[in-house]
């Protein structure tokens, strides 16, 4: 098995999720972006419990590109404090090779 990095981000609407996801793939910071189904988030914010509809996006990238991808997402995101999470995952050697090629800087 080989490793790639996954980066998970929540967006406030599908249009901004799609625009930023496309930008990240076109800029080769990510090999792939999966826009998932809308979900509900419940969280404390500024002294109140909030509920919001959000669109999660799962980015697949090369481990060496992960930090640049996370920085670009933070810079372009519309939230004051976006949730940008990452973890390494194992995958097949062929898929990892494709991710490394497509997310080459």
PDB file of N, CA and C in Angstrom:
ATOM      1  N   UNK A   1       0.832  -1.192   0.000  1.00  0.00           N
ATOM      2  CA  UNK A   1       0.000   0.000   0.000  1.00  0.00           C
ATOM      3  C   UNK A   1       0.875   1.253   0.000  1.00  0.00           C
ATOM      4  N   UNK A   2       0.305   2.328  -0.483  1.00  0.00           N
ATOM      5  CA  UNK A   2       0.983   3.615  -0.547  1.00  0.00           C
ATOM      6  C   UNK A   2       0.125   4.659   0.141  1.00  0.00           C
ATOM      7  N   UNK A   3       0.745   5.777   0.532  1.00  0.00           N
ATOM      8  CA  UNK A   3      -0.006   6.806   1.237  1.00  0.00           C
ATOM      9  C   UNK A   3      -0.273   8.028   0.377  1.00  0.00           C
ATOM     10  N   UNK A   4      -1.461   8.600   0.582  1.00  0.00           N
ATOM     11  CA  UNK A   4      -1.825   9.907   0.054  1.00  0.00           C
ATOM     12  C   UNK A   4      -2.401  10.689   1.233  1.00  0.00           C
ATOM     13  N   UNK A   5      -2.729  11.946   1.019  1.00  0.00           N
ATOM     14  CA  UNK A   5      -3.347  12.760   2.064  1.00  0.00           C
ATOM     15  C   UNK A   5      -4.777  13.087   1.664  1.00  0.00           C
ATOM     16  N   UNK A   6      -5.679  13.028   2.647  1.00  0.00           N
ATOM     17  CA  UNK A   6      -7.045  13.493   2.471  1.00  0.00           C
ATOM     18  C   UNK A   6      -7.199  14.795   3.234  1.00  0.00           C
ATOM     19  N   UNK A   7      -7.899  15.743   2.629  1.00  0.00           N
ATOM     20  CA  UNK A   7      -8.199  17.011   3.290  1.00  0.00           C
ATOM     21  C   UNK A   7      -9.707  17.200   3.215  1.00  0.00           C
ATOM     22  N   UNK A   8     -10.323  17.410   4.371  1.00  0.00           N
ATOM     23  CA  UNK A   8     -11.772  17.522   4.507  1.00  0.00           C
ATOM     24  C   UNK A   8     -12.112  18.953   4.888  1.00  0.00           C
ATOM     25  N   UNK A   9     -13.039  19.559   4.136  1.00  0.00           N
ATOM     26  CA  UNK A   9     -13.412  20.958   4.376  1.00  0.00           C
ATOM     27  C   UNK A   9     -14.927  21.099   4.249  1.00  0.00           C
ATOM     28  N   UNK A  10     -15.514  21.924   5.106  1.00  0.00           N
ATOM     29  CA  UNK A  10     -16.944  22.233   5.038  1.00  0.00           C
ATOM     30  C   UNK A  10     -17.140  23.628   4.456  1.00  0.00           C
ATOM     31  N   UNK A  11     -18.118  23.742   3.548  1.00  0.00           N
ATOM     32  CA  UNK A  11     -18.441  25.025   2.926  1.00  0.00           C
ATOM     33  C   UNK A  11     -19.900  25.373   3.199  1.00  0.00           C
ATOM     34  N   UNK A  12     -20.213  26.655   3.186  1.00  0.00           N
ATOM     35  CA  UNK A  12     -21.561  27.118   3.485  1.00  0.00           C
ATOM     36  C   UNK A  12     -22.566  26.928   2.371  1.00  0.00           C
ATOM     37  N   UNK A  13     -22.084  26.687   1.143  1.00  0.00           N
ATOM     38  CA  UNK A  13     -23.005  26.450   0.034  1.00  0.00           C
ATOM     39  C   UNK A  13     -22.288  25.676  -1.065  1.00  0.00           C
ATOM     40  N   UNK A  14     -23.086  25.030  -1.899  1.00  0.00           N
ATOM     41  CA  UNK A  14     -22.538  24.171  -2.952  1.00  0.00           C
ATOM     42  C   UNK A  14     -21.755  24.964  -4.001  1.00  0.00           C
ATOM     43  N   UNK A  15     -22.201  26.157  -4.326  1.00  0.00           N
ATOM     44  CA  UNK A  15     -21.525  26.953  -5.361  1.00  0.00           C
ATOM     45  C   UNK A  15     -20.095  27.294  -4.944  1.00  0.00           C
ATOM     46  N   UNK A  16     -19.895  27.744  -3.711  1.00  0.00           N
ATOM     47  CA  UNK A  16     -18.536  28.079  -3.282  1.00  0.00           C
ATOM     48  C   UNK A  16     -17.696  26.812  -3.137  1.00  0.00           C
ATOM     49  N   UNK A  17     -18.307  25.717  -2.689  1.00  0.00           N
ATOM     50  CA  UNK A  17     -17.580  24.453  -2.597  1.00  0.00           C
ATOM     51  C   UNK A  17     -17.083  24.019  -3.969  1.00  0.00           C
ATOM     52  N   UNK A  18     -17.958  24.107  -4.965  1.00  0.00           N
ATOM     53  CA  UNK A  18     -17.577  23.686  -6.316  1.00  0.00           C
ATOM     54  C   UNK A  18     -16.517  24.596  -6.919  1.00  0.00           C
ATOM     55  N   UNK A  19     -16.676  25.900  -6.739  1.00  0.00           N
ATOM     56  CA  UNK A  19     -15.693  26.849  -7.293  1.00  0.00           C
ATOM     57  C   UNK A  19     -14.311  26.615  -6.707  1.00  0.00           C
ATOM     58  N   UNK A  20     -14.228  26.513  -5.393  1.00  0.00           N
ATOM     59  CA  UNK A  20     -12.930  26.331  -4.748  1.00  0.00           C
ATOM     60  C   UNK A  20     -12.362  24.955  -5.055  1.00  0.00           C
ATOM     61  N   UNK A  21     -13.195  23.930  -5.086  1.00  0.00           N
ATOM     62  CA  UNK A  21     -12.722  22.588  -5.429  1.00  0.00           C
ATOM     63  C   UNK A  21     -12.123  22.570  -6.839  1.00  0.00           C
ATOM     64  N   UNK A  22     -12.815  23.183  -7.777  1.00  0.00           N
ATOM     65  CA  UNK A  22     -12.302  23.238  -9.149  1.00  0.00           C
ATOM     66  C   UNK A  22     -10.973  23.993  -9.202  1.00  0.00           C
ATOM     67  N   UNK A  23     -10.886  25.112  -8.474  1.00  0.00           N
ATOM     68  CA  UNK A  23      -9.634  25.884  -8.426  1.00  0.00           C
ATOM     69  C   UNK A  23      -8.473  25.025  -7.909  1.00  0.00           C
ATOM     70  N   UNK A  24      -8.715  24.265  -6.851  1.00  0.00           N
ATOM     71  CA  UNK A  24      -7.647  23.457  -6.259  1.00  0.00           C
ATOM     72  C   UNK A  24      -7.160  22.375  -7.211  1.00  0.00           C
ATOM     73  N   UNK A  25      -8.085  21.778  -7.969  1.00  0.00           N
ATOM     74  CA  UNK A  25      -7.693  20.763  -8.947  1.00  0.00           C
ATOM     75  C   UNK A  25      -6.978  21.418 -10.135  1.00  0.00           C
ATOM     76  N   UNK A  26      -7.499  22.533 -10.623  1.00  0.00           N
ATOM     77  CA  UNK A  26      -6.850  23.219 -11.749  1.00  0.00           C
ATOM     78  C   UNK A  26      -5.453  23.705 -11.391  1.00  0.00           C
ATOM     79  N   UNK A  27      -5.257  24.104 -10.132  1.00  0.00           N
ATOM     80  CA  UNK A  27      -3.943  24.565  -9.680  1.00  0.00           C
ATOM     81  C   UNK A  27      -3.032  23.416  -9.263  1.00  0.00           C
ATOM     82  N   UNK A  28      -3.536  22.207  -9.392  1.00  0.00           N
ATOM     83  CA  UNK A  28      -2.799  20.981  -9.093  1.00  0.00           C
ATOM     84  C   UNK A  28      -2.374  20.871  -7.634  1.00  0.00           C
ATOM     85  N   UNK A  29      -3.148  21.517  -6.760  1.00  0.00           N
ATOM     86  CA  UNK A  29      -2.938  21.324  -5.332  1.00  0.00           C
ATOM     87  C   UNK A  29      -3.643  20.057  -4.864  1.00  0.00           C
ATOM     88  N   UNK A  30      -4.639  19.612  -5.613  1.00  0.00           N
ATOM     89  CA  UNK A  30      -5.353  18.366  -5.338  1.00  0.00           C
ATOM     90  C   UNK A  30      -5.540  17.612  -6.643  1.00  0.00           C
ATOM     91  N   UNK A  31      -5.505  16.300  -6.550  1.00  0.00           N
ATOM     92  CA  UNK A  31      -5.753  15.474  -7.728  1.00  0.00           C
ATOM     93  C   UNK A  31      -7.243  15.303  -7.967  1.00  0.00           C
ATOM     94  N   UNK A  32      -8.019  15.389  -6.888  1.00  0.00           N
ATOM     95  CA  UNK A  32      -9.446  15.113  -6.979  1.00  0.00           C
ATOM     96  C   UNK A  32     -10.159  15.802  -5.823  1.00  0.00           C
ATOM     97  N   UNK A  33     -11.380  16.228  -6.063  1.00  0.00           N
ATOM     98  CA  UNK A  33     -12.227  16.788  -5.008  1.00  0.00           C
ATOM     99  C   UNK A  33     -13.602  16.152  -5.122  1.00  0.00           C
ATOM    100  N   UNK A  34     -14.078  15.571  -4.046  1.00  0.00           N
ATOM    101  CA  UNK A  34     -15.410  14.968  -4.011  1.00  0.00           C
ATOM    102  C   UNK A  34     -16.334  15.858  -3.203  1.00  0.00           C
ATOM    103  N   UNK A  35     -17.348  16.441  -3.872  1.00  0.00           N
ATOM    104  CA  UNK A  35     -18.381  17.206  -3.169  1.00  0.00           C
ATOM    105  C   UNK A  35     -19.411  16.212  -2.679  1.00  0.00           C
ATOM    106  N   UNK A  36     -19.607  16.177  -1.381  1.00  0.00           N
ATOM    107  CA  UNK A  36     -20.518  15.227  -0.765  1.00  0.00           C
ATOM    108  C   UNK A  36     -21.881  15.872  -0.540  1.00  0.00           C
ATOM    109  N   UNK A  37     -22.825  15.099  -0.083  1.00  0.00           N
ATOM    110  CA  UNK A  37     -24.167  15.609   0.163  1.00  0.00           C
ATOM    111  C   UNK A  37     -24.216  16.589   1.326  1.00  0.00           C
ATOM    112  N   UNK A  38     -25.115  17.546   1.221  1.00  0.00           N
ATOM    113  CA  UNK A  38     -25.272  18.551   2.260  1.00  0.00           C
ATOM    114  C   UNK A  38     -25.622  17.897   3.583  1.00  0.00           C
ATOM    115  N   UNK A  39     -25.078  18.456   4.651  1.00  0.00           N
ATOM    116  CA  UNK A  39     -25.366  17.957   5.989  1.00  0.00           C
ATOM    117  C   UNK A  39     -25.612  19.109   6.952  1.00  0.00           C
ATOM    118  N   UNK A  40     -26.018  18.783   8.142  1.00  0.00           N
ATOM    119  CA  UNK A  40     -26.262  19.781   9.180  1.00  0.00           C
ATOM    120  C   UNK A  40     -25.107  19.759  10.171  1.00  0.00           C
ATOM    121  N   UNK A  41     -24.610  20.915  10.518  1.00  0.00           N
ATOM    122  CA  UNK A  41     -23.588  21.050  11.550  1.00  0.00           C
ATOM    123  C   UNK A  41     -24.193  21.776  12.739  1.00  0.00           C
ATOM    124  N   UNK A  42     -23.869  21.297  13.918  1.00  0.00           N
ATOM    125  CA  UNK A  42     -24.298  21.929  15.169  1.00  0.00           C
ATOM    126  C   UNK A  42     -23.029  22.211  15.961  1.00  0.00           C
ATOM    127  N   UNK A  43     -22.825  23.478  16.348  1.00  0.00           N
ATOM    128  CA  UNK A  43     -21.563  23.870  16.965  1.00  0.00           C
ATOM    129  C   UNK A  43     -21.741  25.144  17.799  1.00  0.00           C
ATOM    130  N   UNK A  44     -20.906  25.325  18.820  1.00  0.00           N
ATOM    131  CA  UNK A  44     -20.963  26.574  19.574  1.00  0.00           C
ATOM    132  C   UNK A  44     -20.200  27.667  18.826  1.00  0.00           C
ATOM    133  N   UNK A  45     -20.768  28.861  18.794  1.00  0.00           N
ATOM    134  CA  UNK A  45     -20.102  29.988  18.142  1.00  0.00           C
ATOM    135  C   UNK A  45     -20.519  31.273  18.844  1.00  0.00           C
ATOM    136  N   UNK A  46     -19.533  31.983  19.363  1.00  0.00           N
ATOM    137  CA  UNK A  46     -19.748  33.266  20.018  1.00  0.00           C
ATOM    138  C   UNK A  46     -20.846  33.189  21.081  1.00  0.00           C
ATOM    139  N   UNK A  47     -20.774  32.156  21.931  1.00  0.00           N
ATOM    140  CA  UNK A  47     -21.670  32.041  23.061  1.00  0.00           C
ATOM    141  C   UNK A  47     -23.025  31.400  22.800  1.00  0.00           C
ATOM    142  N   UNK A  48     -23.290  30.995  21.560  1.00  0.00           N
ATOM    143  CA  UNK A  48     -24.570  30.358  21.225  1.00  0.00           C
ATOM    144  C   UNK A  48     -24.323  29.058  20.474  1.00  0.00           C
ATOM    145  N   UNK A  49     -25.284  28.159  20.561  1.00  0.00           N
ATOM    146  CA  UNK A  49     -25.211  26.939  19.757  1.00  0.00           C
ATOM    147  C   UNK A  49     -25.896  27.237  18.429  1.00  0.00           C
ATOM    148  N   UNK A  50     -25.141  27.047  17.347  1.00  0.00           N
ATOM    149  CA  UNK A  50     -25.624  27.343  15.996  1.00  0.00           C
ATOM    150  C   UNK A  50     -25.910  26.045  15.241  1.00  0.00           C
ATOM    151  N   UNK A  51     -26.770  26.136  14.259  1.00  0.00           N
ATOM    152  CA  UNK A  51     -27.037  25.045  13.324  1.00  0.00           C
ATOM    153  C   UNK A  51     -26.912  25.614  11.923  1.00  0.00           C
ATOM    154  N   UNK A  52     -26.189  24.895  11.068  1.00  0.00           N
ATOM    155  CA  UNK A  52     -25.992  25.381   9.704  1.00  0.00           C
ATOM    156  C   UNK A  52     -25.964  24.219   8.726  1.00  0.00           C
ATOM    157  N   UNK A  53     -26.480  24.462   7.535  1.00  0.00           N
ATOM    158  CA  UNK A  53     -26.333  23.512   6.434  1.00  0.00           C
ATOM    159  C   UNK A  53     -24.964  23.740   5.818  1.00  0.00           C
ATOM    160  N   UNK A  54     -24.233  22.655   5.582  1.00  0.00           N
ATOM    161  CA  UNK A  54     -22.900  22.776   5.007  1.00  0.00           C
ATOM    162  C   UNK A  54     -22.666  21.666   3.984  1.00  0.00           C
ATOM    163  N   UNK A  55     -21.760  21.946   3.053  1.00  0.00           N
ATOM    164  CA  UNK A  55     -21.389  20.989   2.016  1.00  0.00           C
ATOM    165  C   UNK A  55     -19.953  20.538   2.284  1.00  0.00           C
ATOM    166  N   UNK A  56     -19.758  19.262   2.598  1.00  0.00           N
ATOM    167  CA  UNK A  56     -18.397  18.767   2.810  1.00  0.00           C
ATOM    168  C   UNK A  56     -17.720  18.437   1.483  1.00  0.00           C
ATOM    169  N   UNK A  57     -16.417  18.724   1.430  1.00  0.00           N
ATOM    170  CA  UNK A  57     -15.610  18.363   0.269  1.00  0.00           C
ATOM    171  C   UNK A  57     -14.401  17.582   0.768  1.00  0.00           C
ATOM    172  N   UNK A  58     -14.118  16.485   0.096  1.00  0.00           N
ATOM    173  CA  UNK A  58     -12.978  15.646   0.417  1.00  0.00           C
ATOM    174  C   UNK A  58     -11.969  15.754  -0.728  1.00  0.00           C
ATOM    175  N   UNK A  59     -10.815  16.321  -0.414  1.00  0.00           N
ATOM    176  CA  UNK A  59      -9.741  16.488  -1.396  1.00  0.00           C
ATOM    177  C   UNK A  59      -8.735  15.356  -1.233  1.00  0.00           C
ATOM    178  N   UNK A  60      -8.219  14.856  -2.354  1.00  0.00           N
ATOM    179  CA  UNK A  60      -7.157  13.857  -2.349  1.00  0.00           C
ATOM    180  C   UNK A  60      -5.923  14.516  -2.942  1.00  0.00           C
ATOM    181  N   UNK A  61      -4.809  14.430  -2.211  1.00  0.00           N
ATOM    182  CA  UNK A  61      -3.602  15.096  -2.664  1.00  0.00           C
ATOM    183  C   UNK A  61      -2.362  14.312  -2.265  1.00  0.00           C
ATOM    184  N   UNK A  62      -1.238  14.729  -2.820  1.00  0.00           N
ATOM    185  CA  UNK A  62       0.044  14.152  -2.444  1.00  0.00           C
ATOM    186  C   UNK A  62       0.430  14.686  -1.066  1.00  0.00           C
ATOM    187  N   UNK A  63       1.031  13.856  -0.222  1.00  0.00           N
ATOM    188  CA  UNK A  63       1.430  14.336   1.100  1.00  0.00           C
ATOM    189  C   UNK A  63       2.288  15.602   1.047  1.00  0.00           C
ATOM    190  N   UNK A  64       3.131  15.716   0.056  1.00  0.00           N
ATOM    191  CA  UNK A  64       3.988  16.899  -0.066  1.00  0.00           C
ATOM    192  C   UNK A  64       3.209  18.163  -0.441  1.00  0.00           C
ATOM    193  N   UNK A  65       2.004  18.027  -0.955  1.00  0.00           N
ATOM    194  CA  UNK A  65       1.176  19.168  -1.362  1.00  0.00           C
ATOM    195  C   UNK A  65       0.122  19.532  -0.325  1.00  0.00           C
ATOM    196  N   UNK A  66      -0.020  18.704   0.709  1.00  0.00           N
ATOM    197  CA  UNK A  66      -1.074  18.895   1.707  1.00  0.00           C
ATOM    198  C   UNK A  66      -1.035  20.272   2.358  1.00  0.00           C
ATOM    199  N   UNK A  67       0.117  20.715   2.828  1.00  0.00           N
ATOM    200  CA  UNK A  67       0.193  22.006   3.520  1.00  0.00           C
ATOM    201  C   UNK A  67      -0.161  23.163   2.593  1.00  0.00           C
ATOM    202  N   UNK A  68       0.301  23.109   1.346  1.00  0.00           N
ATOM    203  CA  UNK A  68      -0.023  24.168   0.376  1.00  0.00           C
ATOM    204  C   UNK A  68      -1.520  24.177   0.078  1.00  0.00           C
ATOM    205  N   UNK A  69      -2.112  22.989  -0.043  1.00  0.00           N
ATOM    206  CA  UNK A  69      -3.554  22.895  -0.277  1.00  0.00           C
ATOM    207  C   UNK A  69      -4.315  23.483   0.903  1.00  0.00           C
ATOM    208  N   UNK A  70      -3.941  23.112   2.115  1.00  0.00           N
ATOM    209  CA  UNK A  70      -4.639  23.618   3.298  1.00  0.00           C
ATOM    210  C   UNK A  70      -4.506  25.139   3.411  1.00  0.00           C
ATOM    211  N   UNK A  71      -3.340  25.684   3.099  1.00  0.00           N
ATOM    212  CA  UNK A  71      -3.142  27.138   3.149  1.00  0.00           C
ATOM    213  C   UNK A  71      -3.999  27.840   2.099  1.00  0.00           C
ATOM    214  N   UNK A  72      -4.057  27.287   0.889  1.00  0.00           N
ATOM    215  CA  UNK A  72      -4.877  27.883  -0.174  1.00  0.00           C
ATOM    216  C   UNK A  72      -6.355  27.835   0.186  1.00  0.00           C
ATOM    217  N   UNK A  73      -6.787  26.741   0.776  1.00  0.00           N
ATOM    218  CA  UNK A  73      -8.190  26.626   1.198  1.00  0.00           C
ATOM    219  C   UNK A  73      -8.511  27.652   2.281  1.00  0.00           C
ATOM    220  N   UNK A  74      -7.638  27.797   3.249  1.00  0.00           N
ATOM    221  CA  UNK A  74      -7.862  28.763   4.332  1.00  0.00           C
ATOM    222  C   UNK A  74      -7.929  30.191   3.790  1.00  0.00           C
ATOM    223  N   UNK A  75      -7.091  30.497   2.813  1.00  0.00           N
ATOM    224  CA  UNK A  75      -7.050  31.842   2.237  1.00  0.00           C
ATOM    225  C   UNK A  75      -8.323  32.167   1.459  1.00  0.00           C
ATOM    226  N   UNK A  76      -8.884  31.205   0.755  1.00  0.00           N
ATOM    227  CA  UNK A  76     -10.035  31.455  -0.119  1.00  0.00           C
ATOM    228  C   UNK A  76     -11.385  31.194   0.534  1.00  0.00           C
ATOM    229  N   UNK A  77     -11.374  30.560   1.672  1.00  0.00           N
ATOM    230  CA  UNK A  77     -12.619  30.157   2.327  1.00  0.00           C
ATOM    231  C   UNK A  77     -13.362  31.375   2.858  1.00  0.00           C
ATOM    232  N   UNK A  78     -14.689  31.326   2.837  1.00  0.00           N
ATOM    233  CA  UNK A  78     -15.506  32.445   3.284  1.00  0.00           C
ATOM    234  C   UNK A  78     -15.747  32.508   4.787  1.00  0.00           C
ATOM    235  N   UNK A  79     -15.428  31.451   5.518  1.00  0.00           N
ATOM    236  CA  UNK A  79     -15.659  31.429   6.962  1.00  0.00           C
ATOM    237  C   UNK A  79     -14.534  32.160   7.704  1.00  0.00           C
ATOM    238  N   UNK A  80     -14.867  32.700   8.879  1.00  0.00           N
ATOM    239  CA  UNK A  80     -13.849  33.285   9.756  1.00  0.00           C
ATOM    240  C   UNK A  80     -12.893  32.207  10.271  1.00  0.00           C
ATOM    241  N   UNK A  81     -13.435  31.036  10.557  1.00  0.00           N
ATOM    242  CA  UNK A  81     -12.653  29.927  11.097  1.00  0.00           C
ATOM    243  C   UNK A  81     -13.086  28.633  10.413  1.00  0.00           C
ATOM    244  N   UNK A  82     -12.583  28.386   9.195  1.00  0.00           N
ATOM    245  CA  UNK A  82     -13.012  27.179   8.488  1.00  0.00           C
ATOM    246  C   UNK A  82     -12.418  25.917   9.104  1.00  0.00           C
ATOM    247  N   UNK A  83     -13.201  24.858   9.096  1.00  0.00           N
ATOM    248  CA  UNK A  83     -12.710  23.545   9.517  1.00  0.00           C
ATOM    249  C   UNK A  83     -11.994  22.924   8.326  1.00  0.00           C
ATOM    250  N   UNK A  84     -10.683  22.831   8.423  1.00  0.00           N
ATOM    251  CA  UNK A  84      -9.862  22.214   7.375  1.00  0.00           C
ATOM    252  C   UNK A  84      -9.064  21.121   8.067  1.00  0.00           C
ATOM    253  N   UNK A  85      -9.440  19.878   7.807  1.00  0.00           N
ATOM    254  CA  UNK A  85      -8.867  18.737   8.510  1.00  0.00           C
ATOM    255  C   UNK A  85      -8.120  17.845   7.531  1.00  0.00           C
ATOM    256  N   UNK A  86      -7.081  17.181   8.019  1.00  0.00           N
ATOM    257  CA  UNK A  86      -6.302  16.316   7.142  1.00  0.00           C
ATOM    258  C   UNK A  86      -5.850  15.066   7.885  1.00  0.00           C
ATOM    259  N   UNK A  87      -5.694  13.987   7.115  1.00  0.00           N
ATOM    260  CA  UNK A  87      -5.117  12.771   7.651  1.00  0.00           C
ATOM    261  C   UNK A  87      -4.516  11.966   6.509  1.00  0.00           C
ATOM    262  N   UNK A  88      -3.486  11.152   6.818  1.00  0.00           N
ATOM    263  CA  UNK A  88      -2.910  10.276   5.797  1.00  0.00           C
ATOM    264  C   UNK A  88      -3.766   9.021   5.658  1.00  0.00           C
ATOM    265  N   UNK A  89      -3.833   8.486   4.462  1.00  0.00           N
ATOM    266  CA  UNK A  89      -4.557   7.240   4.214  1.00  0.00           C
ATOM    267  C   UNK A  89      -3.731   6.334   3.310  1.00  0.00           C
ATOM    268  N   UNK A  90      -3.964   5.064   3.447  1.00  0.00           N
ATOM    269  CA  UNK A  90      -3.318   4.079   2.576  1.00  0.00           C
ATOM    270  C   UNK A  90      -4.222   3.784   1.402  1.00  0.00           C
ATOM    271  N   UNK A  91      -3.617   3.585   0.261  1.00  0.00           N
ATOM    272  CA  UNK A  91      -4.360   3.254  -0.952  1.00  0.00           C
ATOM    273  C   UNK A  91      -3.513   2.317  -1.805  1.00  0.00           C
ATOM    274  N   UNK A  92      -4.043   1.947  -2.940  1.00  0.00           N
ATOM    275  CA  UNK A  92      -3.294   1.069  -3.838  1.00  0.00           C
ATOM    276  C   UNK A  92      -2.136   1.842  -4.455  1.00  0.00           C
ATOM    277  N   UNK A  93      -1.063   1.154  -4.813  1.00  0.00           N
ATOM    278  CA  UNK A  93       0.064   1.842  -5.442  1.00  0.00           C
ATOM    279  C   UNK A  93      -0.327   2.572  -6.729  1.00  0.00           C
ATOM    280  N   UNK A  94      -1.188   1.990  -7.534  1.00  0.00           N
ATOM    281  CA  UNK A  94      -1.586   2.632  -8.788  1.00  0.00           C
ATOM    282  C   UNK A  94      -2.344   3.943  -8.539  1.00  0.00           C
ATOM    283  N   UNK A  95      -3.266   3.920  -7.571  1.00  0.00           N
ATOM    284  CA  UNK A  95      -4.022   5.140  -7.283  1.00  0.00           C
ATOM    285  C   UNK A  95      -3.108   6.204  -6.684  1.00  0.00           C
ATOM    286  N   UNK A  96      -2.209   5.802  -5.792  1.00  0.00           N
ATOM    287  CA  UNK A  96      -1.264   6.755  -5.202  1.00  0.00           C
ATOM    288  C   UNK A  96      -0.385   7.385  -6.279  1.00  0.00           C
ATOM    289  N   UNK A  97       0.050   6.594  -7.245  1.00  0.00           N
ATOM    290  CA  UNK A  97       0.861   7.130  -8.348  1.00  0.00           C
ATOM    291  C   UNK A  97       0.078   8.171  -9.133  1.00  0.00           C
ATOM    292  N   UNK A  98      -1.189   7.902  -9.393  1.00  0.00           N
ATOM    293  CA  UNK A  98      -2.040   8.864 -10.109  1.00  0.00           C
ATOM    294  C   UNK A  98      -2.185  10.158  -9.307  1.00  0.00           C
ATOM    295  N   UNK A  99      -2.449  10.048  -8.003  1.00  0.00           N
ATOM    296  CA  UNK A  99      -2.582  11.237  -7.152  1.00  0.00           C
ATOM    297  C   UNK A  99      -1.291  12.032  -7.166  1.00  0.00           C
ATOM    298  N   UNK A 100      -0.159  11.378  -7.012  1.00  0.00           N
ATOM    299  CA  UNK A 100       1.140  12.081  -7.000  1.00  0.00           C
ATOM    300  C   UNK A 100       1.366  12.821  -8.331  1.00  0.00           C
ATOM    301  N   UNK A 101       0.993  12.178  -9.430  1.00  0.00           N
ATOM    302  CA  UNK A 101       1.176  12.793 -10.752  1.00  0.00           C
ATOM    303  C   UNK A 101       0.257  14.006 -10.922  1.00  0.00           C
ATOM    304  N   UNK A 102      -0.996  13.884 -10.535  1.00  0.00           N
ATOM    305  CA  UNK A 102      -1.967  14.961 -10.751  1.00  0.00           C
ATOM    306  C   UNK A 102      -1.835  16.109  -9.771  1.00  0.00           C
ATOM    307  N   UNK A 103      -1.262  15.859  -8.611  1.00  0.00           N
ATOM    308  CA  UNK A 103      -1.092  16.925  -7.609  1.00  0.00           C
ATOM    309  C   UNK A 103       0.381  17.311  -7.502  1.00  0.00           C
ATOM    310  N   UNK A 104       1.036  17.327  -8.627  1.00  0.00           N
ATOM    311  CA  UNK A 104       2.463  17.686  -8.643  1.00  0.00           C
ATOM    312  C   UNK A 104       2.628  19.190  -8.724  1.00  0.00           C
ATOM    313  N   UNK A 105       3.479  19.696  -7.919  1.00  0.00           N
ATOM    314  CA  UNK A 105       3.687  21.152  -7.879  1.00  0.00           C
ATOM    315  C   UNK A 105       4.777  21.667  -8.747  1.00  0.00           C
TER     316      UNK A 105
END
